[in-house]
PDB file of N, CA and C in Angstrom:
ATOM      1  N   MET A   1      13.223  -9.174  91.285  1.00  0.00           N
ATOM      2  CA  MET A   1      12.457  -8.072  91.832  1.00  0.00           C
ATOM      3  C   MET A   1      12.570  -8.135  93.362  1.00  0.00           C
ATOM      4  N   CYS A   2      12.868  -7.033  93.986  1.00  0.00           N
ATOM      5  CA  CYS A   2      12.978  -6.975  95.433  1.00  0.00           C
ATOM      6  C   CYS A   2      11.719  -6.318  95.995  1.00  0.00           C
ATOM      7  N   VAL A   3      11.294  -6.837  97.119  1.00  0.00           N
ATOM      8  CA  VAL A   3      10.139  -6.253  97.794  1.00  0.00           C
ATOM      9  C   VAL A   3      10.579  -5.771  99.162  1.00  0.00           C
ATOM     10  N   PRO A   4       9.882  -4.788  99.728  1.00  0.00           N
ATOM     11  CA  PRO A   4      10.256  -4.291 101.050  1.00  0.00           C
ATOM     12  C   PRO A   4      10.202  -5.405 102.097  1.00  0.00           C
ATOM     13  N   LYS A   5      11.069  -5.284 103.085  1.00  0.00           N
ATOM     14  CA  LYS A   5      11.127  -6.268 104.151  1.00  0.00           C
ATOM     15  C   LYS A   5       9.769  -6.358 104.850  1.00  0.00           C
ATOM     16  N   GLY A   6       9.344  -7.580 105.099  1.00  0.00           N
ATOM     17  CA  GLY A   6       8.075  -7.792 105.782  1.00  0.00           C
ATOM     18  C   GLY A   6       6.894  -7.953 104.848  1.00  0.00           C
ATOM     19  N   THR A   7       7.130  -7.923 103.544  1.00  0.00           N
ATOM     20  CA  THR A   7       6.032  -8.106 102.594  1.00  0.00           C
ATOM     21  C   THR A   7       6.259  -9.387 101.796  1.00  0.00           C
ATOM     22  N   LYS A   8       5.195  -9.885 101.214  1.00  0.00           N
ATOM     23  CA  LYS A   8       5.283 -11.099 100.416  1.00  0.00           C
ATOM     24  C   LYS A   8       5.632 -10.749  98.978  1.00  0.00           C
ATOM     25  N   MET A   9       6.325 -11.660  98.347  1.00  0.00           N
ATOM     26  CA  MET A   9       6.627 -11.498  96.922  1.00  0.00           C
ATOM     27  C   MET A   9       5.326 -11.658  96.155  1.00  0.00           C
ATOM     28  N   PRO A  10       5.010 -10.735  95.240  1.00  0.00           N
ATOM     29  CA  PRO A  10       3.757 -10.853  94.496  1.00  0.00           C
ATOM     30  C   PRO A  10       3.805 -12.046  93.549  1.00  0.00           C
ATOM     31  N   GLU A  11       2.655 -12.595  93.253  1.00  0.00           N
ATOM     32  CA  GLU A  11       2.568 -13.694  92.305  1.00  0.00           C
ATOM     33  C   GLU A  11       2.862 -13.148  90.916  1.00  0.00           C
ATOM     34  N   MET A  12       3.623 -13.897  90.159  1.00  0.00           N
ATOM     35  CA  MET A  12       3.880 -13.482  88.781  1.00  0.00           C
ATOM     36  C   MET A  12       2.622 -13.763  87.967  1.00  0.00           C
ATOM     37  N   ARG A  13       2.119 -12.748  87.332  1.00  0.00           N
ATOM     38  CA  ARG A  13       0.921 -12.910  86.515  1.00  0.00           C
ATOM     39  C   ARG A  13       1.328 -13.038  85.060  1.00  0.00           C
ATOM     40  N   GLU A  14       0.655 -13.955  84.387  1.00  0.00           N
ATOM     41  CA  GLU A  14       0.899 -14.065  82.962  1.00  0.00           C
ATOM     42  C   GLU A  14       0.395 -12.809  82.292  1.00  0.00           C
ATOM     43  N   GLY A  15       0.997 -12.498  81.186  1.00  0.00           N
ATOM     44  CA  GLY A  15       0.556 -11.326  80.468  1.00  0.00           C
ATOM     45  C   GLY A  15       0.851 -11.442  78.993  1.00  0.00           C
ATOM     46  N   VAL A  16       0.287 -10.541  78.244  1.00  0.00           N
ATOM     47  CA  VAL A  16       0.449 -10.543  76.794  1.00  0.00           C
ATOM     48  C   VAL A  16       1.622  -9.637  76.425  1.00  0.00           C
ATOM     49  N   TYR A  17       2.540 -10.201  75.672  1.00  0.00           N
ATOM     50  CA  TYR A  17       3.695  -9.466  75.169  1.00  0.00           C
ATOM     51  C   TYR A  17       3.557  -9.358  73.663  1.00  0.00           C
ATOM     52  N   GLN A  18       3.882  -8.190  73.130  1.00  0.00           N
ATOM     53  CA  GLN A  18       3.842  -8.006  71.686  1.00  0.00           C
ATOM     54  C   GLN A  18       5.191  -7.478  71.219  1.00  0.00           C
ATOM     55  N   PHE A  19       5.710  -8.082  70.153  1.00  0.00           N
ATOM     56  CA  PHE A  19       6.989  -7.699  69.576  1.00  0.00           C
ATOM     57  C   PHE A  19       6.825  -7.450  68.086  1.00  0.00           C
ATOM     58  N   ASN A  20       7.636  -6.558  67.545  1.00  0.00           N
ATOM     59  CA  ASN A  20       7.870  -6.458  66.111  1.00  0.00           C
ATOM     60  C   ASN A  20       9.261  -7.042  65.906  1.00  0.00           C
ATOM     61  N   TYR A  21       9.437  -7.824  64.833  1.00  0.00           N
ATOM     62  CA  TYR A  21      10.756  -8.401  64.641  1.00  0.00           C
ATOM     63  C   TYR A  21      11.259  -8.229  63.215  1.00  0.00           C
ATOM     64  N   LEU A  22      12.575  -8.323  63.096  1.00  0.00           N
ATOM     65  CA  LEU A  22      13.276  -8.271  61.827  1.00  0.00           C
ATOM     66  C   LEU A  22      14.157  -9.507  61.767  1.00  0.00           C
ATOM     67  N   LEU A  23      14.092 -10.226  60.652  1.00  0.00           N
ATOM     68  CA  LEU A  23      14.908 -11.423  60.483  1.00  0.00           C
ATOM     69  C   LEU A  23      15.480 -11.417  59.073  1.00  0.00           C
ATOM     70  N   VAL A  24      16.796 -11.501  58.982  1.00  0.00           N
ATOM     71  CA  VAL A  24      17.463 -11.590  57.685  1.00  0.00           C
ATOM     72  C   VAL A  24      17.596 -13.075  57.353  1.00  0.00           C
ATOM     73  N   THR A  25      17.168 -13.432  56.122  1.00  0.00           N
ATOM     74  CA  THR A  25      17.217 -14.837  55.699  1.00  0.00           C
ATOM     75  C   THR A  25      17.912 -14.959  54.352  1.00  0.00           C
ATOM     76  N   TYR A  26      18.313 -16.199  54.054  1.00  0.00           N
ATOM     77  CA  TYR A  26      18.841 -16.532  52.735  1.00  0.00           C
ATOM     78  C   TYR A  26      17.745 -17.247  51.977  1.00  0.00           C
ATOM     79  N   THR A  27      17.500 -16.811  50.750  1.00  0.00           N
ATOM     80  CA  THR A  27      16.470 -17.436  49.922  1.00  0.00           C
ATOM     81  C   THR A  27      17.060 -18.657  49.218  1.00  0.00           C
ATOM     82  N   MET A  28      16.189 -19.415  48.534  1.00  0.00           N
ATOM     83  CA  MET A  28      16.630 -20.613  47.823  1.00  0.00           C
ATOM     84  C   MET A  28      17.612 -20.263  46.695  1.00  0.00           C
ATOM     85  N   SER A  29      17.508 -19.059  46.156  1.00  0.00           N
ATOM     86  CA  SER A  29      18.411 -18.651  45.071  1.00  0.00           C
ATOM     87  C   SER A  29      19.746 -18.133  45.593  1.00  0.00           C
ATOM     88  N   GLY A  30      19.903 -18.072  46.929  1.00  0.00           N
ATOM     89  CA  GLY A  30      21.166 -17.640  47.519  1.00  0.00           C
ATOM     90  C   GLY A  30      21.204 -16.175  47.890  1.00  0.00           C
ATOM     91  N   GLY A  31      20.162 -15.431  47.568  1.00  0.00           N
ATOM     92  CA  GLY A  31      20.113 -14.020  47.932  1.00  0.00           C
ATOM     93  C   GLY A  31      19.677 -13.847  49.380  1.00  0.00           C
ATOM     94  N   SER A  32      19.811 -12.648  49.884  1.00  0.00           N
ATOM     95  CA  SER A  32      19.353 -12.386  51.245  1.00  0.00           C
ATOM     96  C   SER A  32      18.094 -11.542  51.200  1.00  0.00           C
ATOM     97  N   LYS A  33      17.318 -11.656  52.241  1.00  0.00           N
ATOM     98  CA  LYS A  33      16.024 -10.982  52.298  1.00  0.00           C
ATOM     99  C   LYS A  33      15.749 -10.569  53.737  1.00  0.00           C
ATOM    100  N   GLU A  34      15.185  -9.362  53.918  1.00  0.00           N
ATOM    101  CA  GLU A  34      14.785  -8.905  55.257  1.00  0.00           C
ATOM    102  C   GLU A  34      13.293  -9.169  55.435  1.00  0.00           C
ATOM    103  N   ASN A  35      12.953  -9.842  56.498  1.00  0.00           N
ATOM    104  CA  ASN A  35      11.558 -10.137  56.806  1.00  0.00           C
ATOM    105  C   ASN A  35      11.166  -9.398  58.077  1.00  0.00           C
ATOM    106  N   THR A  36      10.054  -8.690  58.024  1.00  0.00           N
ATOM    107  CA  THR A  36       9.525  -8.041  59.220  1.00  0.00           C
ATOM    108  C   THR A  36       8.123  -8.569  59.467  1.00  0.00           C
ATOM    109  N   ASP A  37       7.791  -8.718  60.725  1.00  0.00           N
ATOM    110  CA  ASP A  37       6.479  -9.231  61.113  1.00  0.00           C
ATOM    111  C   ASP A  37       6.290  -8.883  62.580  1.00  0.00           C
ATOM    112  N   SER A  38       5.193  -9.337  63.152  1.00  0.00           N
ATOM    113  CA  SER A  38       4.966  -9.105  64.580  1.00  0.00           C
ATOM    114  C   SER A  38       4.651 -10.423  65.259  1.00  0.00           C
ATOM    115  N   TYR A  39       4.872 -10.451  66.561  1.00  0.00           N
ATOM    116  CA  TYR A  39       4.590 -11.624  67.379  1.00  0.00           C
ATOM    117  C   TYR A  39       3.767 -11.167  68.574  1.00  0.00           C
ATOM    118  N   LEU A  40       2.752 -11.940  68.929  1.00  0.00           N
ATOM    119  CA  LEU A  40       1.900 -11.645  70.072  1.00  0.00           C
ATOM    120  C   LEU A  40       1.665 -12.953  70.811  1.00  0.00           C
ATOM    121  N   GLY A  41       1.929 -12.972  72.125  1.00  0.00           N
ATOM    122  CA  GLY A  41       1.731 -14.201  72.890  1.00  0.00           C
ATOM    123  C   GLY A  41       1.635 -13.934  74.378  1.00  0.00           C
ATOM    124  N   THR A  42       1.065 -14.893  75.096  1.00  0.00           N
ATOM    125  CA  THR A  42       0.923 -14.806  76.547  1.00  0.00           C
ATOM    126  C   THR A  42       2.028 -15.622  77.201  1.00  0.00           C
ATOM    127  N   HIS A  43       2.812 -14.965  78.066  1.00  0.00           N
ATOM    128  CA  HIS A  43       3.949 -15.616  78.715  1.00  0.00           C
ATOM    129  C   HIS A  43       4.072 -15.141  80.158  1.00  0.00           C
ATOM    130  N   LYS A  44       4.849 -15.887  80.940  1.00  0.00           N
ATOM    131  CA  LYS A  44       5.052 -15.532  82.349  1.00  0.00           C
ATOM    132  C   LYS A  44       6.155 -14.501  82.538  1.00  0.00           C
ATOM    133  N   THR A  45       7.151 -14.504  81.649  1.00  0.00           N
ATOM    134  CA  THR A  45       8.269 -13.571  81.800  1.00  0.00           C
ATOM    135  C   THR A  45       8.632 -12.949  80.458  1.00  0.00           C
ATOM    136  N   PHE A  46       9.364 -11.842  80.522  1.00  0.00           N
ATOM    137  CA  PHE A  46       9.846 -11.172  79.315  1.00  0.00           C
ATOM    138  C   PHE A  46      10.790 -12.080  78.542  1.00  0.00           C
ATOM    139  N   ASP A  47      11.719 -12.738  79.256  1.00  0.00           N
ATOM    140  CA  ASP A  47      12.691 -13.607  78.581  1.00  0.00           C
ATOM    141  C   ASP A  47      12.001 -14.736  77.828  1.00  0.00           C
ATOM    142  N   GLU A  48      10.989 -15.333  78.437  1.00  0.00           N
ATOM    143  CA  GLU A  48      10.231 -16.399  77.787  1.00  0.00           C
ATOM    144  C   GLU A  48       9.536 -15.870  76.530  1.00  0.00           C
ATOM    145  N   ALA A  49       8.972 -14.678  76.626  1.00  0.00           N
ATOM    146  CA  ALA A  49       8.280 -14.073  75.491  1.00  0.00           C
ATOM    147  C   ALA A  49       9.254 -13.762  74.359  1.00  0.00           C
ATOM    148  N   LYS A  50      10.428 -13.234  74.691  1.00  0.00           N
ATOM    149  CA  LYS A  50      11.411 -12.891  73.662  1.00  0.00           C
ATOM    150  C   LYS A  50      11.918 -14.145  72.957  1.00  0.00           C
ATOM    151  N   ARG A  51      12.164 -15.213  73.723  1.00  0.00           N
ATOM    152  CA  ARG A  51      12.595 -16.477  73.113  1.00  0.00           C
ATOM    153  C   ARG A  51      11.525 -16.995  72.151  1.00  0.00           C
ATOM    154  N   ALA A  52      10.256 -16.874  72.543  1.00  0.00           N
ATOM    155  CA  ALA A  52       9.157 -17.332  71.698  1.00  0.00           C
ATOM    156  C   ALA A  52       9.083 -16.501  70.417  1.00  0.00           C
ATOM    157  N   CYS A  53       9.317 -15.205  70.516  1.00  0.00           N
ATOM    158  CA  CYS A  53       9.332 -14.333  69.342  1.00  0.00           C
ATOM    159  C   CYS A  53      10.428 -14.774  68.370  1.00  0.00           C
ATOM    160  N   MET A  54      11.620 -15.000  68.877  1.00  0.00           N
ATOM    161  CA  MET A  54      12.743 -15.401  68.041  1.00  0.00           C
ATOM    162  C   MET A  54      12.486 -16.760  67.388  1.00  0.00           C
ATOM    163  N   GLU A  55      11.922 -17.679  68.132  1.00  0.00           N
ATOM    164  CA  GLU A  55      11.629 -19.008  67.613  1.00  0.00           C
ATOM    165  C   GLU A  55      10.531 -18.954  66.552  1.00  0.00           C
ATOM    166  N   THR A  56       9.510 -18.152  66.774  1.00  0.00           N
ATOM    167  CA  THR A  56       8.426 -18.003  65.804  1.00  0.00           C
ATOM    168  C   THR A  56       8.952 -17.425  64.493  1.00  0.00           C
ATOM    169  N   ALA A  57       9.828 -16.428  64.576  1.00  0.00           N
ATOM    170  CA  ALA A  57      10.416 -15.840  63.379  1.00  0.00           C
ATOM    171  C   ALA A  57      11.205 -16.884  62.601  1.00  0.00           C
ATOM    172  N   ARG A  58      11.969 -17.706  63.310  1.00  0.00           N
ATOM    173  CA  ARG A  58      12.769 -18.748  62.666  1.00  0.00           C
ATOM    174  C   ARG A  58      11.880 -19.781  61.978  1.00  0.00           C
ATOM    175  N   ILE A  59      10.816 -20.212  62.669  1.00  0.00           N
ATOM    176  CA  ILE A  59       9.910 -21.218  62.125  1.00  0.00           C
ATOM    177  C   ILE A  59       9.192 -20.696  60.875  1.00  0.00           C
ATOM    178  N   LYS A  60       8.750 -19.429  60.917  1.00  0.00           N
ATOM    179  CA  LYS A  60       8.072 -18.846  59.751  1.00  0.00           C
ATOM    180  C   LYS A  60       9.017 -18.779  58.547  1.00  0.00           C
ATOM    181  N   ALA A  61      10.286 -18.445  58.788  1.00  0.00           N
ATOM    182  CA  ALA A  61      11.260 -18.383  57.698  1.00  0.00           C
ATOM    183  C   ALA A  61      11.468 -19.767  57.094  1.00  0.00           C
ATOM    184  N   LEU A  62      11.627 -20.775  57.930  1.00  0.00           N
ATOM    185  CA  LEU A  62      11.819 -22.139  57.440  1.00  0.00           C
ATOM    186  C   LEU A  62      10.599 -22.621  56.668  1.00  0.00           C
ATOM    187  N   ALA A  63       9.403 -22.229  57.098  1.00  0.00           N
ATOM    188  CA  ALA A  63       8.174 -22.622  56.404  1.00  0.00           C
ATOM    189  C   ALA A  63       8.114 -22.003  55.000  1.00  0.00           C
ATOM    190  N   ARG A  64       8.746 -20.828  54.828  1.00  0.00           N
ATOM    191  CA  ARG A  64       8.792 -20.194  53.513  1.00  0.00           C
ATOM    192  C   ARG A  64       9.931 -20.752  52.656  1.00  0.00           C
ATOM    193  N   GLY A  65      10.713 -21.671  53.208  1.00  0.00           N
ATOM    194  CA  GLY A  65      11.841 -22.238  52.477  1.00  0.00           C
ATOM    195  C   GLY A  65      13.076 -21.360  52.529  1.00  0.00           C
ATOM    196  N   GLU A  66      13.185 -20.528  53.553  1.00  0.00           N
ATOM    197  CA  GLU A  66      14.330 -19.636  53.710  1.00  0.00           C
ATOM    198  C   GLU A  66      15.121 -20.039  54.938  1.00  0.00           C
ATOM    199  N   LEU A  67      16.417 -19.788  54.903  1.00  0.00           N
ATOM    200  CA  LEU A  67      17.287 -20.100  56.037  1.00  0.00           C
ATOM    201  C   LEU A  67      17.632 -18.828  56.793  1.00  0.00           C
ATOM    202  N   PRO A  68      17.394 -18.781  58.106  1.00  0.00           N
ATOM    203  CA  PRO A  68      17.754 -17.597  58.891  1.00  0.00           C
ATOM    204  C   PRO A  68      19.267 -17.359  58.863  1.00  0.00           C
ATOM    205  N   ALA A  69      19.671 -16.129  58.604  1.00  0.00           N
ATOM    206  CA  ALA A  69      21.081 -15.767  58.588  1.00  0.00           C
ATOM    207  C   ALA A  69      21.584 -15.495  60.004  1.00  0.00           C
ATOM    208  N   GLU A  70      20.667 -15.137  60.888  1.00  0.00           N
ATOM    209  CA  GLU A  70      21.000 -14.805  62.282  1.00  0.00           C
ATOM    210  C   GLU A  70      19.718 -14.925  63.094  1.00  0.00           C
ATOM    211  N   GLU A  71      19.825 -14.667  64.382  1.00  0.00           N
ATOM    212  CA  GLU A  71      18.627 -14.682  65.217  1.00  0.00           C
ATOM    213  C   GLU A  71      17.786 -13.439  64.922  1.00  0.00           C
ATOM    214  N   ALA A  72      16.495 -13.576  65.068  1.00  0.00           N
ATOM    215  CA  ALA A  72      15.593 -12.444  64.845  1.00  0.00           C
ATOM    216  C   ALA A  72      15.848 -11.354  65.880  1.00  0.00           C
ATOM    217  N   GLN A  73      15.704 -10.114  65.452  1.00  0.00           N
ATOM    218  CA  GLN A  73      15.804  -8.972  66.358  1.00  0.00           C
ATOM    219  C   GLN A  73      14.386  -8.595  66.760  1.00  0.00           C
ATOM    220  N   CYS A  74      14.019  -8.930  67.996  1.00  0.00           N
ATOM    221  CA  CYS A  74      12.667  -8.685  68.490  1.00  0.00           C
ATOM    222  C   CYS A  74      12.638  -7.394  69.303  1.00  0.00           C
ATOM    223  N   GLU A  75      11.765  -6.488  68.916  1.00  0.00           N
ATOM    224  CA  GLU A  75      11.622  -5.202  69.614  1.00  0.00           C
ATOM    225  C   GLU A  75      10.280  -5.190  70.338  1.00  0.00           C
ATOM    226  N   LEU A  76      10.320  -4.971  71.639  1.00  0.00           N
ATOM    227  CA  LEU A  76       9.118  -4.979  72.471  1.00  0.00           C
ATOM    228  C   LEU A  76       8.204  -3.811  72.115  1.00  0.00           C
ATOM    229  N   VAL A  77       6.925  -4.121  71.888  1.00  0.00           N
ATOM    230  CA  VAL A  77       5.924  -3.096  71.600  1.00  0.00           C
ATOM    231  C   VAL A  77       5.063  -2.853  72.831  1.00  0.00           C
ATOM    232  N   SER A  78       4.603  -3.936  73.471  1.00  0.00           N
ATOM    233  CA  SER A  78       3.811  -3.783  74.695  1.00  0.00           C
ATOM    234  C   SER A  78       3.985  -5.013  75.576  1.00  0.00           C
ATOM    235  N   GLN A  79       3.783  -4.810  76.870  1.00  0.00           N
ATOM    236  CA  GLN A  79       3.915  -5.877  77.858  1.00  0.00           C
ATOM    237  C   GLN A  79       2.884  -5.666  78.950  1.00  0.00           C
ATOM    238  N   PRO A  80       2.655  -6.705  79.775  1.00  0.00           N
ATOM    239  CA  PRO A  80       1.675  -6.551  80.854  1.00  0.00           C
ATOM    240  C   PRO A  80       2.187  -5.594  81.924  1.00  0.00           C
ATOM    241  N   PRO A  81       1.289  -4.970  82.672  1.00  0.00           N
ATOM    242  CA  PRO A  81       1.734  -4.080  83.759  1.00  0.00           C
ATOM    243  C   PRO A  81       2.411  -4.914  84.847  1.00  0.00           C
ATOM    244  N   PRO A  82       3.370  -4.316  85.562  1.00  0.00           N
ATOM    245  CA  PRO A  82       4.037  -5.066  86.622  1.00  0.00           C
ATOM    246  C   PRO A  82       3.066  -5.369  87.758  1.00  0.00           C
ATOM    247  N   PRO A  83       3.311  -6.489  88.484  1.00  0.00           N
ATOM    248  CA  PRO A  83       2.428  -6.797  89.610  1.00  0.00           C
ATOM    249  C   PRO A  83       2.560  -5.742  90.698  1.00  0.00           C
ATOM    250  N   GLU A  84       1.457  -5.500  91.385  1.00  0.00           N
ATOM    251  CA  GLU A  84       1.475  -4.502  92.452  1.00  0.00           C
ATOM    252  C   GLU A  84       2.062  -5.114  93.715  1.00  0.00           C
ATOM    253  N   VAL A  85       2.889  -4.349  94.386  1.00  0.00           N
ATOM    254  CA  VAL A  85       3.485  -4.783  95.642  1.00  0.00           C
ATOM    255  C   VAL A  85       2.858  -3.963  96.747  1.00  0.00           C
ATOM    256  N   LYS A  86       2.269  -4.642  97.715  1.00  0.00           N
ATOM    257  CA  LYS A  86       1.668  -3.931  98.837  1.00  0.00           C
ATOM    258  C   LYS A  86       2.757  -3.674  99.872  1.00  0.00           C
ATOM    259  N   THR A  87       2.891  -2.412 100.250  1.00  0.00           N
ATOM    260  CA  THR A  87       3.891  -2.061 101.248  1.00  0.00           C
ATOM    261  C   THR A  87       3.202  -1.904 102.595  1.00  0.00           C
ATOM    262  N   PRO A  88       3.865  -2.377 103.649  1.00  0.00           N
ATOM    263  CA  PRO A  88       3.246  -2.258 104.972  1.00  0.00           C
ATOM    264  C   PRO A  88       3.269  -0.806 105.433  1.00  0.00           C
ATOM    265  N   ARG A  89       2.288  -0.461 106.240  1.00  0.00           N
ATOM    266  CA  ARG A  89       2.255   0.891 106.811  1.00  0.00           C
ATOM    267  C   ARG A  89       3.290   0.992 107.918  1.00  0.00           C
ATOM    268  N   ALA A  90       3.820   2.172 108.044  1.00  0.00           N
ATOM    269  CA  ALA A  90       4.768   2.408 109.132  1.00  0.00           C
ATOM    270  C   ALA A  90       3.981   2.458 110.442  1.00  0.00           C
ATOM    271  N   PRO A  91       4.566   1.939 111.526  1.00  0.00           N
ATOM    272  CA  PRO A  91       3.850   1.986 112.804  1.00  0.00           C
ATOM    273  C   PRO A  91       3.640   3.439 113.227  1.00  0.00           C
ATOM    274  N   PRO A  92       2.547   3.705 113.935  1.00  0.00           N
ATOM    275  CA  PRO A  92       2.308   5.087 114.372  1.00  0.00           C
ATOM    276  C   PRO A  92       3.417   5.550 115.316  1.00  0.00           C
ATOM    277  N   THR A  93       3.736   6.822 115.229  1.00  0.00           N
ATOM    278  CA  THR A  93       4.765   7.362 116.099  1.00  0.00           C
ATOM    279  C   THR A  93       4.111   7.946 117.345  1.00  0.00           C
ATOM    280  N   LEU A  94       4.761   7.730 118.457  1.00  0.00           N
ATOM    281  CA  LEU A  94       4.268   8.259 119.729  1.00  0.00           C
ATOM    282  C   LEU A  94       4.764   9.679 119.908  1.00  0.00           C
ATOM    283  N   LYS A  95       3.880  10.574 120.280  1.00  0.00           N
ATOM    284  CA  LYS A  95       4.243  11.954 120.462  1.00  0.00           C
ATOM    285  C   LYS A  95       4.052  12.323 121.929  1.00  0.00           C
ATOM    286  N   GLN A  96       4.920  13.154 122.426  1.00  0.00           N
ATOM    287  CA  GLN A  96       4.783  13.626 123.798  1.00  0.00           C
ATOM    288  C   GLN A  96       4.200  15.020 123.796  1.00  0.00           C
ATOM    289  N   GLY A  97       3.531  15.337 124.847  1.00  0.00           N
ATOM    290  CA  GLY A  97       2.973  16.679 124.945  1.00  0.00           C
ATOM    291  C   GLY A  97       1.471  16.613 125.082  1.00  0.00           C
ATOM    292  N   LYS A  98       0.868  17.786 125.150  1.00  0.00           N
ATOM    293  CA  LYS A  98      -0.581  17.848 125.297  1.00  0.00           C
ATOM    294  C   LYS A  98      -1.212  17.810 123.912  1.00  0.00           C
ATOM    295  N   PHE A  99      -2.377  17.166 123.874  1.00  0.00           N
ATOM    296  CA  PHE A  99      -3.112  17.057 122.601  1.00  0.00           C
ATOM    297  C   PHE A  99      -4.374  17.809 122.646  1.00  0.00           C
TER     298      PHE A  99
END
């Protein structure tokens, strides 16, 4: 994220990310199965949240005795608002003439 020259970089605020995911797994009988669920968690970045969604989907599949066929497809549902960046005011302009 770029900020205007002369301003401070805003602090990254943690926020709640929500995903819906789809994960194709192999069952114990050798068949395939599509699993859909949602993930909700508090993270510092989108990438961290998406990795957590994918990992949670994998762990839930393994707990059911299923093997993930691929990585979960996580679709973002909601995320925290971006941090506000304060922009400096432009210096006043000097005008010539009568006021």
